[in-house]
Amino acid sequence: MPALKTFKGTAKNGNLQKALELAIQAALDSAPGADRMAVWTLKKVSGRNGGIAGFKEVTVAISARIS
């Protein structure tokens, strides 16, 4: 069984779904081949909002096995 690895995705517009999609895509991109599958678990969600720059960032970290 492949080892668990951590993958992250960050959405600069505060979209949680987009951040999750980016994390899953990072997991899939880490393995060669066309027929990959990621089995993942949500590990951490974090973000920042406000400030002079108007931050609206959300970052998702997942633990995944790629097969």
PDB file of N, CA and C in Angstrom:
ATOM      1  N   MET A   1       0.835  -1.168   0.000  1.00  0.00           N
ATOM      2  CA  MET A   1       0.000   0.000   0.000  1.00  0.00           C
ATOM      3  C   MET A   1       0.892   1.248   0.000  1.00  0.00           C
ATOM      4  N   PRO A   2       0.609   2.225  -0.869  1.00  0.00           N
ATOM      5  CA  PRO A   2       1.423   3.446  -0.910  1.00  0.00           C
ATOM      6  C   PRO A   2       1.344   4.224   0.405  1.00  0.00           C
ATOM      7  N   ALA A   3       2.400   4.938   0.700  1.00  0.00           N
ATOM      8  CA  ALA A   3       2.449   5.741   1.925  1.00  0.00           C
ATOM      9  C   ALA A   3       1.570   6.976   1.797  1.00  0.00           C
ATOM     10  N   LEU A   4       1.100   7.468   2.934  1.00  0.00           N
ATOM     11  CA  LEU A   4       0.339   8.719   2.966  1.00  0.00           C
ATOM     12  C   LEU A   4       1.286   9.892   2.765  1.00  0.00           C
ATOM     13  N   LYS A   5       0.855  10.848   1.944  1.00  0.00           N
ATOM     14  CA  LYS A   5       1.606  12.077   1.732  1.00  0.00           C
ATOM     15  C   LYS A   5       0.659  13.245   1.917  1.00  0.00           C
ATOM     16  N   THR A   6       1.211  14.399   2.245  1.00  0.00           N
ATOM     17  CA  THR A   6       0.409  15.610   2.434  1.00  0.00           C
ATOM     18  C   THR A   6       0.510  16.483   1.188  1.00  0.00           C
ATOM     19  N   PHE A   7      -0.640  16.996   0.757  1.00  0.00           N
ATOM     20  CA  PHE A   7      -0.721  17.886  -0.401  1.00  0.00           C
ATOM     21  C   PHE A   7      -1.555  19.095  -0.009  1.00  0.00           C
ATOM     22  N   LYS A   8      -1.209  20.271  -0.565  1.00  0.00           N
ATOM     23  CA  LYS A   8      -1.908  21.515  -0.234  1.00  0.00           C
ATOM     24  C   LYS A   8      -2.412  22.205  -1.495  1.00  0.00           C
ATOM     25  N   GLY A   9      -3.492  22.941  -1.318  1.00  0.00           N
ATOM     26  CA  GLY A   9      -4.030  23.785  -2.366  1.00  0.00           C
ATOM     27  C   GLY A   9      -4.473  25.092  -1.745  1.00  0.00           C
ATOM     28  N   THR A  10      -4.206  26.216  -2.418  1.00  0.00           N
ATOM     29  CA  THR A  10      -4.577  27.532  -1.904  1.00  0.00           C
ATOM     30  C   THR A  10      -5.391  28.275  -2.941  1.00  0.00           C
ATOM     31  N   ALA A  11      -6.541  28.798  -2.520  1.00  0.00           N
ATOM     32  CA  ALA A  11      -7.370  29.641  -3.377  1.00  0.00           C
ATOM     33  C   ALA A  11      -7.242  31.079  -2.886  1.00  0.00           C
ATOM     34  N   LYS A  12      -6.841  31.969  -3.757  1.00  0.00           N
ATOM     35  CA  LYS A  12      -6.615  33.373  -3.388  1.00  0.00           C
ATOM     36  C   LYS A  12      -7.923  34.155  -3.269  1.00  0.00           C
ATOM     37  N   ASN A  13      -9.053  33.561  -3.714  1.00  0.00           N
ATOM     38  CA  ASN A  13     -10.341  34.249  -3.657  1.00  0.00           C
ATOM     39  C   ASN A  13     -11.214  33.766  -2.498  1.00  0.00           C
ATOM     40  N   GLY A  14     -10.669  32.931  -1.610  1.00  0.00           N
ATOM     41  CA  GLY A  14     -11.407  32.448  -0.456  1.00  0.00           C
ATOM     42  C   GLY A  14     -12.351  31.300  -0.735  1.00  0.00           C
ATOM     43  N   ASN A  15     -12.258  30.675  -1.901  1.00  0.00           N
ATOM     44  CA  ASN A  15     -13.158  29.595  -2.299  1.00  0.00           C
ATOM     45  C   ASN A  15     -12.632  28.259  -1.765  1.00  0.00           C
ATOM     46  N   LEU A  16     -13.315  27.714  -0.772  1.00  0.00           N
ATOM     47  CA  LEU A  16     -12.893  26.463  -0.141  1.00  0.00           C
ATOM     48  C   LEU A  16     -12.898  25.299  -1.122  1.00  0.00           C
ATOM     49  N   GLN A  17     -13.919  25.215  -1.959  1.00  0.00           N
ATOM     50  CA  GLN A  17     -14.015  24.128  -2.945  1.00  0.00           C
ATOM     51  C   GLN A  17     -12.837  24.170  -3.916  1.00  0.00           C
ATOM     52  N   LYS A  18     -12.468  25.350  -4.361  1.00  0.00           N
ATOM     53  CA  LYS A  18     -11.343  25.497  -5.288  1.00  0.00           C
ATOM     54  C   LYS A  18     -10.034  25.065  -4.617  1.00  0.00           C
ATOM     55  N   ALA A  19      -9.844  25.431  -3.360  1.00  0.00           N
ATOM     56  CA  ALA A  19      -8.634  25.033  -2.635  1.00  0.00           C
ATOM     57  C   ALA A  19      -8.560  23.520  -2.511  1.00  0.00           C
ATOM     58  N   LEU A  20      -9.692  22.873  -2.232  1.00  0.00           N
ATOM     59  CA  LEU A  20      -9.725  21.414  -2.137  1.00  0.00           C
ATOM     60  C   LEU A  20      -9.406  20.781  -3.486  1.00  0.00           C
ATOM     61  N   GLU A  21      -9.990  21.313  -4.563  1.00  0.00           N
ATOM     62  CA  GLU A  21      -9.709  20.792  -5.907  1.00  0.00           C
ATOM     63  C   GLU A  21      -8.229  20.915  -6.246  1.00  0.00           C
ATOM     64  N   LEU A  22      -7.603  22.021  -5.865  1.00  0.00           N
ATOM     65  CA  LEU A  22      -6.172  22.217  -6.130  1.00  0.00           C
ATOM     66  C   LEU A  22      -5.320  21.223  -5.347  1.00  0.00           C
ATOM     67  N   ALA A  23      -5.698  20.921  -4.109  1.00  0.00           N
ATOM     68  CA  ALA A  23      -4.961  19.948  -3.301  1.00  0.00           C
ATOM     69  C   ALA A  23      -5.080  18.552  -3.903  1.00  0.00           C
ATOM     70  N   ILE A  24      -6.283  18.187  -4.324  1.00  0.00           N
ATOM     71  CA  ILE A  24      -6.482  16.871  -4.940  1.00  0.00           C
ATOM     72  C   ILE A  24      -5.728  16.785  -6.256  1.00  0.00           C
ATOM     73  N   GLN A  25      -5.750  17.843  -7.046  1.00  0.00           N
ATOM     74  CA  GLN A  25      -5.019  17.844  -8.309  1.00  0.00           C
ATOM     75  C   GLN A  25      -3.516  17.721  -8.074  1.00  0.00           C
ATOM     76  N   ALA A  26      -3.015  18.372  -7.032  1.00  0.00           N
ATOM     77  CA  ALA A  26      -1.586  18.247  -6.696  1.00  0.00           C
ATOM     78  C   ALA A  26      -1.250  16.796  -6.358  1.00  0.00           C
ATOM     79  N   ALA A  27      -2.145  16.127  -5.655  1.00  0.00           N
ATOM     80  CA  ALA A  27      -1.926  14.713  -5.323  1.00  0.00           C
ATOM     81  C   ALA A  27      -1.895  13.869  -6.592  1.00  0.00           C
ATOM     82  N   LEU A  28      -2.848  14.076  -7.472  1.00  0.00           N
ATOM     83  CA  LEU A  28      -2.902  13.304  -8.719  1.00  0.00           C
ATOM     84  C   LEU A  28      -1.692  13.580  -9.613  1.00  0.00           C
ATOM     85  N   ASP A  29      -1.249  14.840  -9.640  1.00  0.00           N
ATOM     86  CA  ASP A  29      -0.090  15.201 -10.467  1.00  0.00           C
ATOM     87  C   ASP A  29       1.212  14.603  -9.949  1.00  0.00           C
ATOM     88  N   SER A  30       1.216  14.140  -8.702  1.00  0.00           N
ATOM     89  CA  SER A  30       2.448  13.595  -8.126  1.00  0.00           C
ATOM     90  C   SER A  30       2.752  12.177  -8.609  1.00  0.00           C
ATOM     91  N   ALA A  31       1.798  11.554  -9.275  1.00  0.00           N
ATOM     92  CA  ALA A  31       1.992  10.172  -9.741  1.00  0.00           C
ATOM     93  C   ALA A  31       1.899  10.127 -11.262  1.00  0.00           C
ATOM     94  N   PRO A  32       2.741   9.317 -11.907  1.00  0.00           N
ATOM     95  CA  PRO A  32       2.690   9.206 -13.362  1.00  0.00           C
ATOM     96  C   PRO A  32       1.497   8.365 -13.815  1.00  0.00           C
ATOM     97  N   GLY A  33       1.170   8.472 -15.086  1.00  0.00           N
ATOM     98  CA  GLY A  33       0.130   7.633 -15.662  1.00  0.00           C
ATOM     99  C   GLY A  33      -1.186   8.364 -15.818  1.00  0.00           C
ATOM    100  N   ALA A  34      -2.040   7.798 -16.642  1.00  0.00           N
ATOM    101  CA  ALA A  34      -3.323   8.422 -16.935  1.00  0.00           C
ATOM    102  C   ALA A  34      -4.433   7.941 -16.010  1.00  0.00           C
ATOM    103  N   ASP A  35      -4.307   6.752 -15.466  1.00  0.00           N
ATOM    104  CA  ASP A  35      -5.369   6.169 -14.653  1.00  0.00           C
ATOM    105  C   ASP A  35      -4.961   6.152 -13.185  1.00  0.00           C
ATOM    106  N   ARG A  36      -4.947   7.355 -12.568  1.00  0.00           N
ATOM    107  CA  ARG A  36      -4.545   7.475 -11.163  1.00  0.00           C
ATOM    108  C   ARG A  36      -5.792   7.679 -10.310  1.00  0.00           C
ATOM    109  N   MET A  37      -5.673   7.291  -9.060  1.00  0.00           N
ATOM    110  CA  MET A  37      -6.762   7.529  -8.127  1.00  0.00           C
ATOM    111  C   MET A  37      -6.161   7.998  -6.808  1.00  0.00           C
ATOM    112  N   ALA A  38      -6.761   9.038  -6.234  1.00  0.00           N
ATOM    113  CA  ALA A  38      -6.337   9.552  -4.936  1.00  0.00           C
ATOM    114  C   ALA A  38      -7.394   9.194  -3.905  1.00  0.00           C
ATOM    115  N   VAL A  39      -6.968   8.548  -2.849  1.00  0.00           N
ATOM    116  CA  VAL A  39      -7.830   8.288  -1.694  1.00  0.00           C
ATOM    117  C   VAL A  39      -7.333   9.257  -0.623  1.00  0.00           C
ATOM    118  N   TRP A  40      -8.159  10.218  -0.260  1.00  0.00           N
ATOM    119  CA  TRP A  40      -7.676  11.302   0.579  1.00  0.00           C
ATOM    120  C   TRP A  40      -8.569  11.539   1.794  1.00  0.00           C
ATOM    121  N   THR A  41      -7.976  12.215   2.780  1.00  0.00           N
ATOM    122  CA  THR A  41      -8.655  12.645   4.002  1.00  0.00           C
ATOM    123  C   THR A  41      -8.290  14.101   4.250  1.00  0.00           C
ATOM    124  N   LEU A  42      -9.283  14.876   4.607  1.00  0.00           N
ATOM    125  CA  LEU A  42      -9.045  16.270   4.946  1.00  0.00           C
ATOM    126  C   LEU A  42      -8.193  16.348   6.210  1.00  0.00           C
ATOM    127  N   LYS A  43      -7.099  17.082   6.116  1.00  0.00           N
ATOM    128  CA  LYS A  43      -6.158  17.164   7.231  1.00  0.00           C
ATOM    129  C   LYS A  43      -6.269  18.507   7.955  1.00  0.00           C
ATOM    130  N   LYS A  44      -6.327  19.606   7.174  1.00  0.00           N
ATOM    131  CA  LYS A  44      -6.325  20.927   7.788  1.00  0.00           C
ATOM    132  C   LYS A  44      -6.906  21.951   6.823  1.00  0.00           C
ATOM    133  N   VAL A  45      -7.642  22.900   7.377  1.00  0.00           N
ATOM    134  CA  VAL A  45      -8.140  24.051   6.617  1.00  0.00           C
ATOM    135  C   VAL A  45      -7.690  25.295   7.366  1.00  0.00           C
ATOM    136  N   SER A  46      -7.107  26.236   6.638  1.00  0.00           N
ATOM    137  CA  SER A  46      -6.675  27.481   7.264  1.00  0.00           C
ATOM    138  C   SER A  46      -6.851  28.610   6.257  1.00  0.00           C
ATOM    139  N   GLY A  47      -6.778  29.837   6.741  1.00  0.00           N
ATOM    140  CA  GLY A  47      -6.925  30.961   5.831  1.00  0.00           C
ATOM    141  C   GLY A  47      -6.619  32.272   6.498  1.00  0.00           C
ATOM    142  N   ARG A  48      -6.791  33.326   5.713  1.00  0.00           N
ATOM    143  CA  ARG A  48      -6.642  34.677   6.238  1.00  0.00           C
ATOM    144  C   ARG A  48      -7.551  35.607   5.448  1.00  0.00           C
ATOM    145  N   ASN A  49      -8.146  36.542   6.159  1.00  0.00           N
ATOM    146  CA  ASN A  49      -9.047  37.510   5.553  1.00  0.00           C
ATOM    147  C   ASN A  49      -8.729  38.896   6.084  1.00  0.00           C
ATOM    148  N   GLY A  50      -8.934  39.887   5.233  1.00  0.00           N
ATOM    149  CA  GLY A  50      -8.825  41.279   5.657  1.00  0.00           C
ATOM    150  C   GLY A  50      -7.455  41.880   5.439  1.00  0.00           C
ATOM    151  N   GLY A  51      -7.199  42.918   6.217  1.00  0.00           N
ATOM    152  CA  GLY A  51      -5.947  43.651   6.087  1.00  0.00           C
ATOM    153  C   GLY A  51      -6.025  44.673   4.958  1.00  0.00           C
ATOM    154  N   ILE A  52      -5.009  45.474   4.843  1.00  0.00           N
ATOM    155  CA  ILE A  52      -4.961  46.502   3.800  1.00  0.00           C
ATOM    156  C   ILE A  52      -4.981  45.872   2.419  1.00  0.00           C
ATOM    157  N   ALA A  53      -4.327  44.731   2.273  1.00  0.00           N
ATOM    158  CA  ALA A  53      -4.283  44.057   0.968  1.00  0.00           C
ATOM    159  C   ALA A  53      -5.602  43.359   0.642  1.00  0.00           C
ATOM    160  N   GLY A  54      -6.504  43.234   1.605  1.00  0.00           N
ATOM    161  CA  GLY A  54      -7.784  42.590   1.366  1.00  0.00           C
ATOM    162  C   GLY A  54      -7.666  41.092   1.122  1.00  0.00           C
ATOM    163  N   PHE A  55      -6.881  40.418   1.927  1.00  0.00           N
ATOM    164  CA  PHE A  55      -6.680  38.973   1.751  1.00  0.00           C
ATOM    165  C   PHE A  55      -7.991  38.214   1.893  1.00  0.00           C
ATOM    166  N   LYS A  56      -8.158  37.216   1.034  1.00  0.00           N
ATOM    167  CA  LYS A  56      -9.272  36.268   1.117  1.00  0.00           C
ATOM    168  C   LYS A  56      -8.732  34.901   0.712  1.00  0.00           C
ATOM    169  N   GLU A  57      -7.738  34.428   1.436  1.00  0.00           N
ATOM    170  CA  GLU A  57      -7.083  33.173   1.084  1.00  0.00           C
ATOM    171  C   GLU A  57      -7.585  32.031   1.952  1.00  0.00           C
ATOM    172  N   VAL A  58      -7.707  30.867   1.348  1.00  0.00           N
ATOM    173  CA  VAL A  58      -8.011  29.644   2.100  1.00  0.00           C
ATOM    174  C   VAL A  58      -7.055  28.553   1.599  1.00  0.00           C
ATOM    175  N   THR A  59      -6.470  27.804   2.533  1.00  0.00           N
ATOM    176  CA  THR A  59      -5.557  26.722   2.201  1.00  0.00           C
ATOM    177  C   THR A  59      -6.106  25.431   2.788  1.00  0.00           C
ATOM    178  N   VAL A  60      -6.100  24.390   1.966  1.00  0.00           N
ATOM    179  CA  VAL A  60      -6.549  23.063   2.371  1.00  0.00           C
ATOM    180  C   VAL A  60      -5.383  22.112   2.286  1.00  0.00           C
ATOM    181  N   ALA A  61      -5.182  21.314   3.319  1.00  0.00           N
ATOM    182  CA  ALA A  61      -4.166  20.261   3.312  1.00  0.00           C
ATOM    183  C   ALA A  61      -4.902  18.923   3.419  1.00  0.00           C
ATOM    184  N   ILE A  62      -4.490  17.972   2.576  1.00  0.00           N
ATOM    185  CA  ILE A  62      -5.072  16.622   2.596  1.00  0.00           C
ATOM    186  C   ILE A  62      -3.960  15.609   2.771  1.00  0.00           C
ATOM    187  N   SER A  63      -4.316  14.469   3.335  1.00  0.00           N
ATOM    188  CA  SER A  63      -3.434  13.310   3.370  1.00  0.00           C
ATOM    189  C   SER A  63      -3.980  12.362   2.306  1.00  0.00           C
ATOM    190  N   ALA A  64      -3.099  11.900   1.409  1.00  0.00           N
ATOM    191  CA  ALA A  64      -3.595  11.078   0.308  1.00  0.00           C
ATOM    192  C   ALA A  64      -2.655   9.930  -0.009  1.00  0.00           C
ATOM    193  N   ARG A  65      -3.274   8.847  -0.503  1.00  0.00           N
ATOM    194  CA  ARG A  65      -2.564   7.716  -1.102  1.00  0.00           C
ATOM    195  C   ARG A  65      -2.908   7.738  -2.586  1.00  0.00           C
ATOM    196  N   ILE A  66      -1.900   7.614  -3.421  1.00  0.00           N
ATOM    197  CA  ILE A  66      -2.121   7.631  -4.866  1.00  0.00           C
ATOM    198  C   ILE A  66      -1.873   6.224  -5.404  1.00  0.00           C
ATOM    199  N   SER A  67      -2.841   5.740  -6.156  1.00  0.00           N
ATOM    200  CA  SER A  67      -2.666   4.416  -6.769  1.00  0.00           C
ATOM    201  C   SER A  67      -3.043   4.470  -8.228  1.00  0.00           C
TER     202      SER A  67
END
